[in-house]
PDB file of N, CA and C in Angstrom:
ATOM      1  N   MET A   1       8.134-147.492 -41.796  1.00  0.00           N
ATOM      2  CA  MET A   1       9.175-147.351 -41.245  1.00  0.00           C
ATOM      3  C   MET A   1      10.482-147.102 -42.033  1.00  0.00           C
ATOM      4  N   GLY A   2      11.048-145.820 -41.900  1.00  0.00           N
ATOM      5  CA  GLY A   2      12.280-145.364 -42.714  1.00  0.00           C
ATOM      6  C   GLY A   2      13.527-146.177 -42.442  1.00  0.00           C
ATOM      7  N   LYS A   3      14.404-146.201 -43.118  1.00  0.00           N
ATOM      8  CA  LYS A   3      15.638-146.818 -42.925  1.00  0.00           C
ATOM      9  C   LYS A   3      16.475-146.065 -41.919  1.00  0.00           C
ATOM     10  N   LYS A   4      17.072-146.892 -40.978  1.00  0.00           N
ATOM     11  CA  LYS A   4      17.745-146.274 -39.806  1.00  0.00           C
ATOM     12  C   LYS A   4      19.003-145.738 -40.173  1.00  0.00           C
ATOM     13  N   VAL A   5      19.608-144.493 -39.710  1.00  0.00           N
ATOM     14  CA  VAL A   5      20.790-143.817 -39.858  1.00  0.00           C
ATOM     15  C   VAL A   5      21.237-143.468 -38.314  1.00  0.00           C
ATOM     16  N   LEU A   6      22.592-143.890 -38.159  1.00  0.00           N
ATOM     17  CA  LEU A   6      23.288-143.400 -36.827  1.00  0.00           C
ATOM     18  C   LEU A   6      24.165-142.358 -37.262  1.00  0.00           C
ATOM     19  N   LEU A   7      23.987-141.040 -36.710  1.00  0.00           N
ATOM     20  CA  LEU A   7      24.736-139.990 -36.925  1.00  0.00           C
ATOM     21  C   LEU A   7      25.614-139.856 -35.691  1.00  0.00           C
ATOM     22  N   ALA A   8      26.750-140.145 -35.750  1.00  0.00           N
ATOM     23  CA  ALA A   8      27.766-139.874 -34.456  1.00  0.00           C
ATOM     24  C   ALA A   8      28.680-138.693 -34.804  1.00  0.00           C
ATOM     25  N   GLU A   9      28.221-137.696 -34.012  1.00  0.00           N
ATOM     26  CA  GLU A   9      28.705-136.174 -34.329  1.00  0.00           C
ATOM     27  C   GLU A   9      28.500-135.419 -33.232  1.00  0.00           C
ATOM     28  N   ASP A  10      29.458-134.393 -32.876  1.00  0.00           N
ATOM     29  CA  ASP A  10      29.387-133.727 -31.667  1.00  0.00           C
ATOM     30  C   ASP A  10      29.163-132.193 -31.983  1.00  0.00           C
ATOM     31  N   GLU A  11      28.926-131.695 -33.269  1.00  0.00           N
ATOM     32  CA  GLU A  11      28.897-130.442 -33.595  1.00  0.00           C
ATOM     33  C   GLU A  11      27.444-130.197 -33.969  1.00  0.00           C
ATOM     34  N   LYS A  12      27.001-129.241 -33.242  1.00  0.00           N
ATOM     35  CA  LYS A  12      25.473-128.990 -33.234  1.00  0.00           C
ATOM     36  C   LYS A  12      24.890-128.540 -34.791  1.00  0.00           C
ATOM     37  N   ASN A  13      25.695-127.767 -35.297  1.00  0.00           N
ATOM     38  CA  ASN A  13      25.387-127.219 -36.781  1.00  0.00           C
ATOM     39  C   ASN A  13      25.332-128.555 -37.690  1.00  0.00           C
ATOM     40  N   VAL A  14      26.157-129.343 -37.517  1.00  0.00           N
ATOM     41  CA  VAL A  14      26.215-130.369 -38.528  1.00  0.00           C
ATOM     42  C   VAL A  14      25.255-131.318 -38.219  1.00  0.00           C
ATOM     43  N   ILE A  15      24.961-131.611 -37.149  1.00  0.00           N
ATOM     44  CA  ILE A  15      23.722-132.452 -36.487  1.00  0.00           C
ATOM     45  C   ILE A  15      22.236-131.951 -37.212  1.00  0.00           C
ATOM     46  N   LEU A  16      22.267-130.721 -37.012  1.00  0.00           N
ATOM     47  CA  LEU A  16      21.031-129.992 -37.567  1.00  0.00           C
ATOM     48  C   LEU A  16      20.859-130.165 -39.038  1.00  0.00           C
ATOM     49  N   GLY A  17      21.928-129.900 -39.609  1.00  0.00           N
ATOM     50  CA  GLY A  17      21.719-130.136 -41.169  1.00  0.00           C
ATOM     51  C   GLY A  17      21.717-131.469 -41.693  1.00  0.00           C
ATOM     52  N   VAL A  18      22.318-132.424 -41.009  1.00  0.00           N
ATOM     53  CA  VAL A  18      22.283-134.025 -41.540  1.00  0.00           C
ATOM     54  C   VAL A  18      20.962-134.290 -41.135  1.00  0.00           C
ATOM     55  N   ARG A  19      20.365-133.964 -39.778  1.00  0.00           N
ATOM     56  CA  ARG A  19      19.052-134.438 -39.389  1.00  0.00           C
ATOM     57  C   ARG A  19      18.019-133.769 -40.521  1.00  0.00           C
ATOM     58  N   THR A  20      18.027-132.670 -40.691  1.00  0.00           N
ATOM     59  CA  THR A  20      17.003-131.932 -41.638  1.00  0.00           C
ATOM     60  C   THR A  20      17.128-132.785 -43.256  1.00  0.00           C
ATOM     61  N   CYS A  21      18.194-132.918 -43.793  1.00  0.00           N
ATOM     62  CA  CYS A  21      18.349-133.598 -44.892  1.00  0.00           C
ATOM     63  C   CYS A  21      17.599-134.783 -44.856  1.00  0.00           C
ATOM     64  N   LEU A  22      17.909-135.653 -43.896  1.00  0.00           N
ATOM     65  CA  LEU A  22      17.440-137.219 -43.841  1.00  0.00           C
ATOM     66  C   LEU A  22      16.006-137.314 -43.393  1.00  0.00           C
ATOM     67  N   ASP A  23      15.777-136.331 -42.518  1.00  0.00           N
ATOM     68  CA  ASP A  23      14.311-136.275 -41.963  1.00  0.00           C
ATOM     69  C   ASP A  23      13.320-135.906 -43.417  1.00  0.00           C
ATOM     70  N   ALA A  24      13.722-135.250 -44.049  1.00  0.00           N
ATOM     71  CA  ALA A  24      13.100-134.729 -45.280  1.00  0.00           C
ATOM     72  C   ALA A  24      12.544-135.782 -46.097  1.00  0.00           C
ATOM     73  N   VAL A  25      13.519-136.770 -46.231  1.00  0.00           N
ATOM     74  CA  VAL A  25      13.270-137.959 -47.187  1.00  0.00           C
ATOM     75  C   VAL A  25      12.898-139.015 -46.636  1.00  0.00           C
ATOM     76  N   GLY A  26      12.414-139.071 -45.143  1.00  0.00           N
ATOM     77  CA  GLY A  26      11.878-140.081 -44.483  1.00  0.00           C
ATOM     78  C   GLY A  26      12.790-141.273 -43.866  1.00  0.00           C
ATOM     79  N   TYR A  27      14.020-140.906 -43.612  1.00  0.00           N
ATOM     80  CA  TYR A  27      14.958-141.630 -42.731  1.00  0.00           C
ATOM     81  C   TYR A  27      14.748-141.530 -41.340  1.00  0.00           C
ATOM     82  N   ASP A  28      14.953-142.556 -40.499  1.00  0.00           N
ATOM     83  CA  ASP A  28      15.040-142.330 -38.913  1.00  0.00           C
ATOM     84  C   ASP A  28      16.341-142.016 -38.725  1.00  0.00           C
ATOM     85  N   VAL A  29      16.639-140.993 -37.838  1.00  0.00           N
ATOM     86  CA  VAL A  29      18.096-140.691 -37.591  1.00  0.00           C
ATOM     87  C   VAL A  29      18.219-140.769 -36.111  1.00  0.00           C
ATOM     88  N   GLU A  30      19.273-141.575 -35.594  1.00  0.00           N
ATOM     89  CA  GLU A  30      19.371-141.299 -34.106  1.00  0.00           C
ATOM     90  C   GLU A  30      21.041-140.698 -34.122  1.00  0.00           C
ATOM     91  N   ILE A  31      20.978-139.767 -33.111  1.00  0.00           N
ATOM     92  CA  ILE A  31      22.309-138.989 -33.119  1.00  0.00           C
ATOM     93  C   ILE A  31      22.771-139.318 -31.446  1.00  0.00           C
ATOM     94  N   VAL A  32      24.103-139.492 -31.668  1.00  0.00           N
ATOM     95  CA  VAL A  32      24.987-139.857 -30.541  1.00  0.00           C
ATOM     96  C   VAL A  32      26.337-138.871 -30.698  1.00  0.00           C
ATOM     97  N   GLU A  33      26.709-138.358 -29.426  1.00  0.00           N
ATOM     98  CA  GLU A  33      27.654-137.293 -29.528  1.00  0.00           C
ATOM     99  C   GLU A  33      29.138-137.779 -29.028  1.00  0.00           C
ATOM    100  N   ASP A  34      29.342-139.019 -28.922  1.00  0.00           N
ATOM    101  CA  ASP A  34      30.705-139.546 -28.603  1.00  0.00           C
ATOM    102  C   ASP A  34      30.739-140.955 -29.280  1.00  0.00           C
ATOM    103  N   GLY A  35      32.025-141.479 -29.173  1.00  0.00           N
ATOM    104  CA  GLY A  35      32.188-142.738 -29.889  1.00  0.00           C
ATOM    105  C   GLY A  35      31.803-143.941 -29.063  1.00  0.00           C
ATOM    106  N   GLU A  36      31.810-143.912 -27.848  1.00  0.00           N
ATOM    107  CA  GLU A  36      31.214-144.905 -27.022  1.00  0.00           C
ATOM    108  C   GLU A  36      29.759-144.974 -27.136  1.00  0.00           C
ATOM    109  N   GLU A  37      29.104-143.966 -27.273  1.00  0.00           N
ATOM    110  CA  GLU A  37      27.645-144.053 -27.441  1.00  0.00           C
ATOM    111  C   GLU A  37      27.336-144.601 -28.851  1.00  0.00           C
ATOM    112  N   ALA A  38      28.281-144.388 -29.680  1.00  0.00           N
ATOM    113  CA  ALA A  38      27.961-144.860 -31.261  1.00  0.00           C
ATOM    114  C   ALA A  38      28.025-146.399 -31.063  1.00  0.00           C
ATOM    115  N   LEU A  39      29.248-146.759 -30.486  1.00  0.00           N
ATOM    116  CA  LEU A  39      29.245-148.288 -30.376  1.00  0.00           C
ATOM    117  C   LEU A  39      28.291-149.125 -29.720  1.00  0.00           C
ATOM    118  N   ASN A  40      27.624-148.495 -28.688  1.00  0.00           N
ATOM    119  CA  ASN A  40      26.586-149.192 -28.002  1.00  0.00           C
ATOM    120  C   ASN A  40      25.251-148.889 -28.790  1.00  0.00           C
ATOM    121  N   SER A  41      25.166-147.994 -29.524  1.00  0.00           N
ATOM    122  CA  SER A  41      23.924-147.646 -30.461  1.00  0.00           C
ATOM    123  C   SER A  41      23.916-148.638 -31.424  1.00  0.00           C
ATOM    124  N   VAL A  42      25.082-149.071 -32.088  1.00  0.00           N
ATOM    125  CA  VAL A  42      24.955-149.820 -33.056  1.00  0.00           C
ATOM    126  C   VAL A  42      24.699-151.190 -32.708  1.00  0.00           C
ATOM    127  N   LYS A  43      25.118-151.798 -31.558  1.00  0.00           N
ATOM    128  CA  LYS A  43      24.720-153.046 -30.891  1.00  0.00           C
ATOM    129  C   LYS A  43      23.039-153.117 -30.739  1.00  0.00           C
ATOM    130  N   ARG A  44      22.652-151.879 -30.310  1.00  0.00           N
ATOM    131  CA  ARG A  44      21.151-151.870 -29.945  1.00  0.00           C
ATOM    132  C   ARG A  44      20.140-151.715 -30.985  1.00  0.00           C
ATOM    133  N   GLU A  45      20.513-150.899 -31.816  1.00  0.00           N
ATOM    134  CA  GLU A  45      19.578-150.367 -33.048  1.00  0.00           C
ATOM    135  C   GLU A  45      19.857-150.980 -34.355  1.00  0.00           C
ATOM    136  N   HIS A  46      21.128-151.491 -34.785  1.00  0.00           N
ATOM    137  CA  HIS A  46      21.637-152.150 -36.053  1.00  0.00           C
ATOM    138  C   HIS A  46      21.181-151.345 -37.201  1.00  0.00           C
ATOM    139  N   PRO A  47      21.812-150.122 -37.296  1.00  0.00           N
ATOM    140  CA  PRO A  47      21.517-149.116 -38.213  1.00  0.00           C
ATOM    141  C   PRO A  47      21.762-149.446 -39.791  1.00  0.00           C
ATOM    142  N   ASP A  48      21.266-148.969 -40.554  1.00  0.00           N
ATOM    143  CA  ASP A  48      21.364-149.301 -42.267  1.00  0.00           C
ATOM    144  C   ASP A  48      22.807-148.634 -42.560  1.00  0.00           C
ATOM    145  N   LEU A  49      23.248-147.433 -42.029  1.00  0.00           N
ATOM    146  CA  LEU A  49      24.230-146.744 -42.306  1.00  0.00           C
ATOM    147  C   LEU A  49      24.675-145.777 -41.121  1.00  0.00           C
ATOM    148  N   ILE A  50      25.851-145.654 -41.147  1.00  0.00           N
ATOM    149  CA  ILE A  50      26.521-144.788 -40.005  1.00  0.00           C
ATOM    150  C   ILE A  50      27.134-143.709 -40.488  1.00  0.00           C
ATOM    151  N   LEU A  51      26.997-142.353 -40.094  1.00  0.00           N
ATOM    152  CA  LEU A  51      27.687-141.177 -40.483  1.00  0.00           C
ATOM    153  C   LEU A  51      28.622-140.753 -39.371  1.00  0.00           C
ATOM    154  N   LEU A  52      30.034-141.028 -39.375  1.00  0.00           N
ATOM    155  CA  LEU A  52      30.630-140.937 -38.267  1.00  0.00           C
ATOM    156  C   LEU A  52      31.913-139.648 -38.390  1.00  0.00           C
ATOM    157  N   ASP A  53      32.033-139.024 -37.268  1.00  0.00           N
ATOM    158  CA  ASP A  53      32.969-137.813 -37.261  1.00  0.00           C
ATOM    159  C   ASP A  53      34.103-138.649 -36.614  1.00  0.00           C
ATOM    160  N   LEU A  54      35.299-138.173 -36.925  1.00  0.00           N
ATOM    161  CA  LEU A  54      36.529-138.744 -36.344  1.00  0.00           C
ATOM    162  C   LEU A  54      36.899-138.141 -34.999  1.00  0.00           C
ATOM    163  N   LEU A  55      36.725-136.959 -34.862  1.00  0.00           N
ATOM    164  CA  LEU A  55      37.132-136.348 -33.630  1.00  0.00           C
ATOM    165  C   LEU A  55      35.950-136.169 -32.670  1.00  0.00           C
ATOM    166  N   MET A  56      35.772-137.375 -31.886  1.00  0.00           N
ATOM    167  CA  MET A  56      34.795-137.349 -30.736  1.00  0.00           C
ATOM    168  C   MET A  56      35.347-137.771 -29.522  1.00  0.00           C
ATOM    169  N   PRO A  57      34.474-137.263 -28.482  1.00  0.00           N
ATOM    170  CA  PRO A  57      34.891-137.607 -26.943  1.00  0.00           C
ATOM    171  C   PRO A  57      34.783-139.007 -26.838  1.00  0.00           C
ATOM    172  N   LYS A  58      35.479-139.581 -25.756  1.00  0.00           N
ATOM    173  CA  LYS A  58      35.549-140.804 -25.364  1.00  0.00           C
ATOM    174  C   LYS A  58      36.504-141.853 -26.007  1.00  0.00           C
ATOM    175  N   VAL A  59      35.675-142.274 -27.208  1.00  0.00           N
ATOM    176  CA  VAL A  59      36.266-142.941 -28.352  1.00  0.00           C
ATOM    177  C   VAL A  59      36.247-142.332 -29.623  1.00  0.00           C
ATOM    178  N   ASP A  60      37.436-142.411 -30.353  1.00  0.00           N
ATOM    179  CA  ASP A  60      37.504-141.486 -31.567  1.00  0.00           C
ATOM    180  C   ASP A  60      37.121-142.296 -32.516  1.00  0.00           C
ATOM    181  N   GLY A  61      36.614-141.708 -33.805  1.00  0.00           N
ATOM    182  CA  GLY A  61      36.028-142.282 -34.858  1.00  0.00           C
ATOM    183  C   GLY A  61      36.863-143.351 -35.583  1.00  0.00           C
ATOM    184  N   PHE A  62      38.262-143.405 -35.341  1.00  0.00           N
ATOM    185  CA  PHE A  62      39.053-144.388 -35.977  1.00  0.00           C
ATOM    186  C   PHE A  62      39.055-145.510 -35.182  1.00  0.00           C
ATOM    187  N   GLU A  63      38.799-145.510 -33.725  1.00  0.00           N
ATOM    188  CA  GLU A  63      38.700-146.733 -33.002  1.00  0.00           C
ATOM    189  C   GLU A  63      37.240-147.275 -33.122  1.00  0.00           C
ATOM    190  N   VAL A  64      36.265-146.483 -33.561  1.00  0.00           N
ATOM    191  CA  VAL A  64      34.832-146.998 -33.643  1.00  0.00           C
ATOM    192  C   VAL A  64      34.880-147.592 -35.142  1.00  0.00           C
ATOM    193  N   LEU A  65      35.524-147.181 -36.199  1.00  0.00           N
ATOM    194  CA  LEU A  65      35.661-147.808 -37.344  1.00  0.00           C
ATOM    195  C   LEU A  65      36.331-149.172 -37.278  1.00  0.00           C
ATOM    196  N   LYS A  66      37.411-149.259 -36.378  1.00  0.00           N
ATOM    197  CA  LYS A  66      38.187-150.619 -36.285  1.00  0.00           C
ATOM    198  C   LYS A  66      37.400-151.322 -35.690  1.00  0.00           C
ATOM    199  N   GLU A  67      36.577-150.983 -34.796  1.00  0.00           N
ATOM    200  CA  GLU A  67      35.945-152.073 -33.852  1.00  0.00           C
ATOM    201  C   GLU A  67      34.581-152.660 -34.732  1.00  0.00           C
ATOM    202  N   LEU A  68      33.932-151.643 -35.239  1.00  0.00           N
ATOM    203  CA  LEU A  68      32.757-152.055 -36.069  1.00  0.00           C
ATOM    204  C   LEU A  68      33.152-152.930 -37.500  1.00  0.00           C
ATOM    205  N   LYS A  69      34.099-152.547 -38.107  1.00  0.00           N
ATOM    206  CA  LYS A  69      34.556-153.176 -39.434  1.00  0.00           C
ATOM    207  C   LYS A  69      35.242-154.544 -39.085  1.00  0.00           C
ATOM    208  N   GLY A  70      35.667-154.493 -37.810  1.00  0.00           N
ATOM    209  CA  GLY A  70      36.367-155.710 -37.341  1.00  0.00           C
ATOM    210  C   GLY A  70      35.523-156.947 -36.850  1.00  0.00           C
ATOM    211  N   LYS A  71      34.081-156.592 -36.737  1.00  0.00           N
ATOM    212  CA  LYS A  71      33.268-157.752 -36.289  1.00  0.00           C
ATOM    213  C   LYS A  71      32.295-158.093 -37.500  1.00  0.00           C
ATOM    214  N   GLU A  72      32.152-159.436 -37.607  1.00  0.00           N
ATOM    215  CA  GLU A  72      31.273-159.982 -38.613  1.00  0.00           C
ATOM    216  C   GLU A  72      29.867-159.387 -38.512  1.00  0.00           C
ATOM    217  N   GLU A  73      29.274-159.194 -37.566  1.00  0.00           N
ATOM    218  CA  GLU A  73      27.952-158.952 -37.346  1.00  0.00           C
ATOM    219  C   GLU A  73      27.873-157.292 -37.683  1.00  0.00           C
ATOM    220  N   THR A  74      28.797-156.617 -37.590  1.00  0.00           N
ATOM    221  CA  THR A  74      28.834-155.045 -38.227  1.00  0.00           C
ATOM    222  C   THR A  74      29.528-154.678 -39.306  1.00  0.00           C
ATOM    223  N   SER A  75      30.274-155.562 -39.813  1.00  0.00           N
ATOM    224  CA  SER A  75      31.342-155.171 -40.878  1.00  0.00           C
ATOM    225  C   SER A  75      30.707-154.769 -42.178  1.00  0.00           C
ATOM    226  N   LYS A  76      29.487-155.047 -42.347  1.00  0.00           N
ATOM    227  CA  LYS A  76      28.739-154.740 -43.571  1.00  0.00           C
ATOM    228  C   LYS A  76      27.976-153.449 -43.548  1.00  0.00           C
ATOM    229  N   ILE A  77      27.799-152.969 -42.392  1.00  0.00           N
ATOM    230  CA  ILE A  77      27.173-151.658 -42.327  1.00  0.00           C
ATOM    231  C   ILE A  77      28.073-150.737 -42.968  1.00  0.00           C
ATOM    232  N   PRO A  78      27.429-149.848 -43.824  1.00  0.00           N
ATOM    233  CA  PRO A  78      28.303-148.834 -44.702  1.00  0.00           C
ATOM    234  C   PRO A  78      28.550-147.504 -43.678  1.00  0.00           C
ATOM    235  N   ILE A  79      29.909-147.082 -43.668  1.00  0.00           N
ATOM    236  CA  ILE A  79      30.136-146.051 -42.795  1.00  0.00           C
ATOM    237  C   ILE A  79      30.768-144.849 -43.570  1.00  0.00           C
ATOM    238  N   ILE A  80      30.092-143.940 -43.533  1.00  0.00           N
ATOM    239  CA  ILE A  80      30.750-142.616 -44.181  1.00  0.00           C
ATOM    240  C   ILE A  80      31.099-141.738 -43.145  1.00  0.00           C
ATOM    241  N   VAL A  81      32.534-141.315 -43.194  1.00  0.00           N
ATOM    242  CA  VAL A  81      33.097-140.425 -42.377  1.00  0.00           C
ATOM    243  C   VAL A  81      32.848-138.927 -42.683  1.00  0.00           C
ATOM    244  N   LEU A  82      32.434-138.186 -41.891  1.00  0.00           N
ATOM    245  CA  LEU A  82      32.148-136.862 -42.065  1.00  0.00           C
ATOM    246  C   LEU A  82      33.288-136.080 -40.934  1.00  0.00           C
ATOM    247  N   THR A  83      34.089-135.437 -41.620  1.00  0.00           N
ATOM    248  CA  THR A  83      35.252-134.932 -40.482  1.00  0.00           C
ATOM    249  C   THR A  83      35.946-133.561 -41.051  1.00  0.00           C
ATOM    250  N   ALA A  84      36.468-132.958 -40.103  1.00  0.00           N
ATOM    251  CA  ALA A  84      37.250-131.716 -40.359  1.00  0.00           C
ATOM    252  C   ALA A  84      38.758-132.188 -40.777  1.00  0.00           C
ATOM    253  N   LYS A  85      38.982-133.473 -40.366  1.00  0.00           N
ATOM    254  CA  LYS A  85      40.405-133.839 -40.581  1.00  0.00           C
ATOM    255  C   LYS A  85      40.534-134.302 -42.280  1.00  0.00           C
ATOM    256  N   ALA A  86      41.275-133.019 -42.858  1.00  0.00           N
ATOM    257  CA  ALA A  86      41.335-133.147 -44.211  1.00  0.00           C
ATOM    258  C   ALA A  86      42.602-133.650 -44.665  1.00  0.00           C
ATOM    259  N   GLU A  87      43.580-133.941 -43.987  1.00  0.00           N
ATOM    260  CA  GLU A  87      45.044-134.630 -44.414  1.00  0.00           C
ATOM    261  C   GLU A  87      44.710-136.011 -45.064  1.00  0.00           C
ATOM    262  N   GLU A  88      45.425-136.128 -46.087  1.00  0.00           N
ATOM    263  CA  GLU A  88      45.489-137.330 -46.782  1.00  0.00           C
ATOM    264  C   GLU A  88      45.601-138.522 -46.044  1.00  0.00           C
ATOM    265  N   THR A  89      46.604-138.488 -45.042  1.00  0.00           N
ATOM    266  CA  THR A  89      47.064-139.580 -44.059  1.00  0.00           C
ATOM    267  C   THR A  89      45.799-139.881 -43.337  1.00  0.00           C
ATOM    268  N   ASP A  90      44.877-138.988 -42.874  1.00  0.00           N
ATOM    269  CA  ASP A  90      43.719-139.309 -42.029  1.00  0.00           C
ATOM    270  C   ASP A  90      42.716-140.148 -42.883  1.00  0.00           C
ATOM    271  N   ARG A  91      42.522-139.560 -44.333  1.00  0.00           N
ATOM    272  CA  ARG A  91      41.587-140.034 -45.069  1.00  0.00           C
ATOM    273  C   ARG A  91      42.218-141.505 -45.231  1.00  0.00           C
ATOM    274  N   GLN A  92      43.425-141.975 -45.761  1.00  0.00           N
ATOM    275  CA  GLN A  92      43.729-143.048 -46.042  1.00  0.00           C
ATOM    276  C   GLN A  92      43.795-144.003 -44.834  1.00  0.00           C
ATOM    277  N   ARG A  93      43.748-143.358 -43.616  1.00  0.00           N
ATOM    278  CA  ARG A  93      43.698-144.351 -42.440  1.00  0.00           C
ATOM    279  C   ARG A  93      42.460-144.761 -42.209  1.00  0.00           C
ATOM    280  N   ALA A  94      41.398-144.023 -42.392  1.00  0.00           N
ATOM    281  CA  ALA A  94      39.897-144.326 -42.324  1.00  0.00           C
ATOM    282  C   ALA A  94      39.501-145.233 -43.392  1.00  0.00           C
ATOM    283  N   MET A  95      40.005-145.069 -44.553  1.00  0.00           N
ATOM    284  CA  MET A  95      39.760-146.083 -45.710  1.00  0.00           C
ATOM    285  C   MET A  95      40.347-147.400 -45.425  1.00  0.00           C
ATOM    286  N   ASP A  96      41.484-147.274 -44.750  1.00  0.00           N
ATOM    287  CA  ASP A  96      42.254-148.727 -44.579  1.00  0.00           C
ATOM    288  C   ASP A  96      41.441-149.376 -43.455  1.00  0.00           C
ATOM    289  N   LEU A  97      40.820-148.749 -42.451  1.00  0.00           N
ATOM    290  CA  LEU A  97      40.213-149.234 -41.490  1.00  0.00           C
ATOM    291  C   LEU A  97      38.643-149.739 -41.743  1.00  0.00           C
ATOM    292  N   GLY A  98      38.314-149.451 -43.158  1.00  0.00           N
ATOM    293  CA  GLY A  98      36.996-149.725 -43.614  1.00  0.00           C
ATOM    294  C   GLY A  98      36.140-148.814 -44.078  1.00  0.00           C
ATOM    295  N   ALA A  99      36.352-147.594 -43.706  1.00  0.00           N
ATOM    296  CA  ALA A  99      35.260-146.566 -44.088  1.00  0.00           C
ATOM    297  C   ALA A  99      35.020-146.602 -45.562  1.00  0.00           C
ATOM    298  N   ASP A 100      33.718-146.591 -45.886  1.00  0.00           N
ATOM    299  CA  ASP A 100      33.095-146.724 -47.380  1.00  0.00           C
ATOM    300  C   ASP A 100      33.107-145.515 -47.996  1.00  0.00           C
ATOM    301  N   ASN A 101      33.205-144.202 -47.329  1.00  0.00           N
ATOM    302  CA  ASN A 101      33.337-143.080 -47.983  1.00  0.00           C
ATOM    303  C   ASN A 101      33.954-142.007 -46.991  1.00  0.00           C
ATOM    304  N   TYR A 102      34.479-141.026 -47.393  1.00  0.00           N
ATOM    305  CA  TYR A 102      35.110-139.873 -46.705  1.00  0.00           C
ATOM    306  C   TYR A 102      34.804-138.533 -46.970  1.00  0.00           C
ATOM    307  N   MET A 103      34.090-137.716 -46.405  1.00  0.00           N
ATOM    308  CA  MET A 103      33.751-136.305 -46.801  1.00  0.00           C
ATOM    309  C   MET A 103      34.288-135.381 -45.747  1.00  0.00           C
ATOM    310  N   THR A 104      34.842-134.252 -46.088  1.00  0.00           N
ATOM    311  CA  THR A 104      35.327-133.415 -45.317  1.00  0.00           C
ATOM    312  C   THR A 104      34.647-132.329 -44.829  1.00  0.00           C
ATOM    313  N   LYS A 105      34.522-131.675 -43.776  1.00  0.00           N
ATOM    314  CA  LYS A 105      33.750-130.459 -43.384  1.00  0.00           C
ATOM    315  C   LYS A 105      34.328-129.155 -43.859  1.00  0.00           C
ATOM    316  N   PRO A 106      33.774-128.103 -44.013  1.00  0.00           N
ATOM    317  CA  PRO A 106      32.387-128.193 -44.281  1.00  0.00           C
ATOM    318  C   PRO A 106      31.898-128.786 -45.725  1.00  0.00           C
ATOM    319  N   PHE A 107      30.712-129.077 -45.775  1.00  0.00           N
ATOM    320  CA  PHE A 107      30.093-129.725 -47.069  1.00  0.00           C
ATOM    321  C   PHE A 107      28.737-129.097 -47.265  1.00  0.00           C
ATOM    322  N   LYS A 108      28.297-129.176 -48.441  1.00  0.00           N
ATOM    323  CA  LYS A 108      26.992-128.550 -48.819  1.00  0.00           C
ATOM    324  C   LYS A 108      26.147-129.718 -48.736  1.00  0.00           C
ATOM    325  N   PRO A 109      24.680-129.529 -48.278  1.00  0.00           N
ATOM    326  CA  PRO A 109      23.754-130.657 -48.185  1.00  0.00           C
ATOM    327  C   PRO A 109      23.671-131.411 -49.337  1.00  0.00           C
ATOM    328  N   GLN A 110      23.697-130.872 -50.551  1.00  0.00           N
ATOM    329  CA  GLN A 110      23.609-131.633 -51.998  1.00  0.00           C
ATOM    330  C   GLN A 110      24.764-132.523 -51.883  1.00  0.00           C
ATOM    331  N   GLU A 111      25.830-131.970 -51.527  1.00  0.00           N
ATOM    332  CA  GLU A 111      27.192-132.977 -51.781  1.00  0.00           C
ATOM    333  C   GLU A 111      26.803-134.179 -50.844  1.00  0.00           C
ATOM    334  N   LEU A 112      26.363-133.961 -49.667  1.00  0.00           N
ATOM    335  CA  LEU A 112      25.977-135.120 -48.622  1.00  0.00           C
ATOM    336  C   LEU A 112      25.180-135.918 -49.181  1.00  0.00           C
ATOM    337  N   TRP A 113      23.805-135.583 -49.807  1.00  0.00           N
ATOM    338  CA  TRP A 113      22.870-136.204 -50.272  1.00  0.00           C
ATOM    339  C   TRP A 113      23.312-136.844 -51.360  1.00  0.00           C
ATOM    340  N   ASP A 114      24.124-136.580 -52.364  1.00  0.00           N
ATOM    341  CA  ASP A 114      24.800-137.151 -53.594  1.00  0.00           C
ATOM    342  C   ASP A 114      25.407-138.524 -53.137  1.00  0.00           C
ATOM    343  N   VAL A 115      26.084-138.408 -51.872  1.00  0.00           N
ATOM    344  CA  VAL A 115      26.940-139.564 -51.467  1.00  0.00           C
ATOM    345  C   VAL A 115      25.800-140.465 -50.702  1.00  0.00           C
ATOM    346  N   LEU A 116      25.032-139.944 -49.938  1.00  0.00           N
ATOM    347  CA  LEU A 116      24.094-140.727 -49.174  1.00  0.00           C
ATOM    348  C   LEU A 116      23.096-141.642 -50.059  1.00  0.00           C
ATOM    349  N   LYS A 117      22.949-141.180 -51.153  1.00  0.00           N
ATOM    350  CA  LYS A 117      21.726-141.992 -51.927  1.00  0.00           C
ATOM    351  C   LYS A 117      22.354-143.103 -52.616  1.00  0.00           C
ATOM    352  N   GLY A 118      23.683-143.203 -52.522  1.00  0.00           N
ATOM    353  CA  GLY A 118      24.392-144.404 -53.211  1.00  0.00           C
ATOM    354  C   GLY A 118      24.440-145.480 -52.125  1.00  0.00           C
ATOM    355  N   TYR A 119      24.089-145.393 -50.826  1.00  0.00           N
ATOM    356  CA  TYR A 119      24.175-146.168 -49.775  1.00  0.00           C
ATOM    357  C   TYR A 119      22.831-146.607 -49.086  1.00  0.00           C
ATOM    358  N   LEU A 120      21.871-145.725 -49.370  1.00  0.00           N
ATOM    359  CA  LEU A 120      20.507-145.903 -48.739  1.00  0.00           C
ATOM    360  C   LEU A 120      19.554-146.121 -49.923  1.00  0.00           C
ATOM    361  N   PRO A 121      18.814-147.437 -49.713  1.00  0.00           N
ATOM    362  CA  PRO A 121      17.844-147.503 -50.540  1.00  0.00           C
ATOM    363  C   PRO A 121      16.637-146.507 -50.253  1.00  0.00           C
ATOM    364  N   GLU A 122      15.730-146.343 -51.260  1.00  0.00           N
ATOM    365  CA  GLU A 122      14.737-145.523 -51.002  1.00  0.00           C
ATOM    366  C   GLU A 122      13.726-145.885 -49.946  1.00  0.00           C
ATOM    367  N   SER A 123      13.409-144.929 -49.420  1.00  0.00           N
ATOM    368  CA  SER A 123      12.564-145.260 -48.064  1.00  0.00           C
ATOM    369  C   SER A 123      11.156-145.738 -48.536  1.00  0.00           C
TER     370      SER A 123
END
């Protein structure tokens, strides 16, 4: 069984690209399309890594970060933010809330893989 990755994203093209990249190297990817689902999934699935969009329905990515990094049982899960929010203030806020890395959209698959391989042990 591969490592578990939670992708919290509501843009179909990003979902497809990330899933293709991770499926190709043997990781199990669960996809949720809003922050509330992301929080529920983390409790249920205990992923090895979370890829998190900041602009999501119901509960935004900032709140997801705050909740997950604020609890002992989920604080060690690496969270990589994937977002269209390119302002330095947004990046700093996410990092202050505990994000482990921050990537702005659009990004190339190789750029994503270069960041991901630092957080995921080989399958």
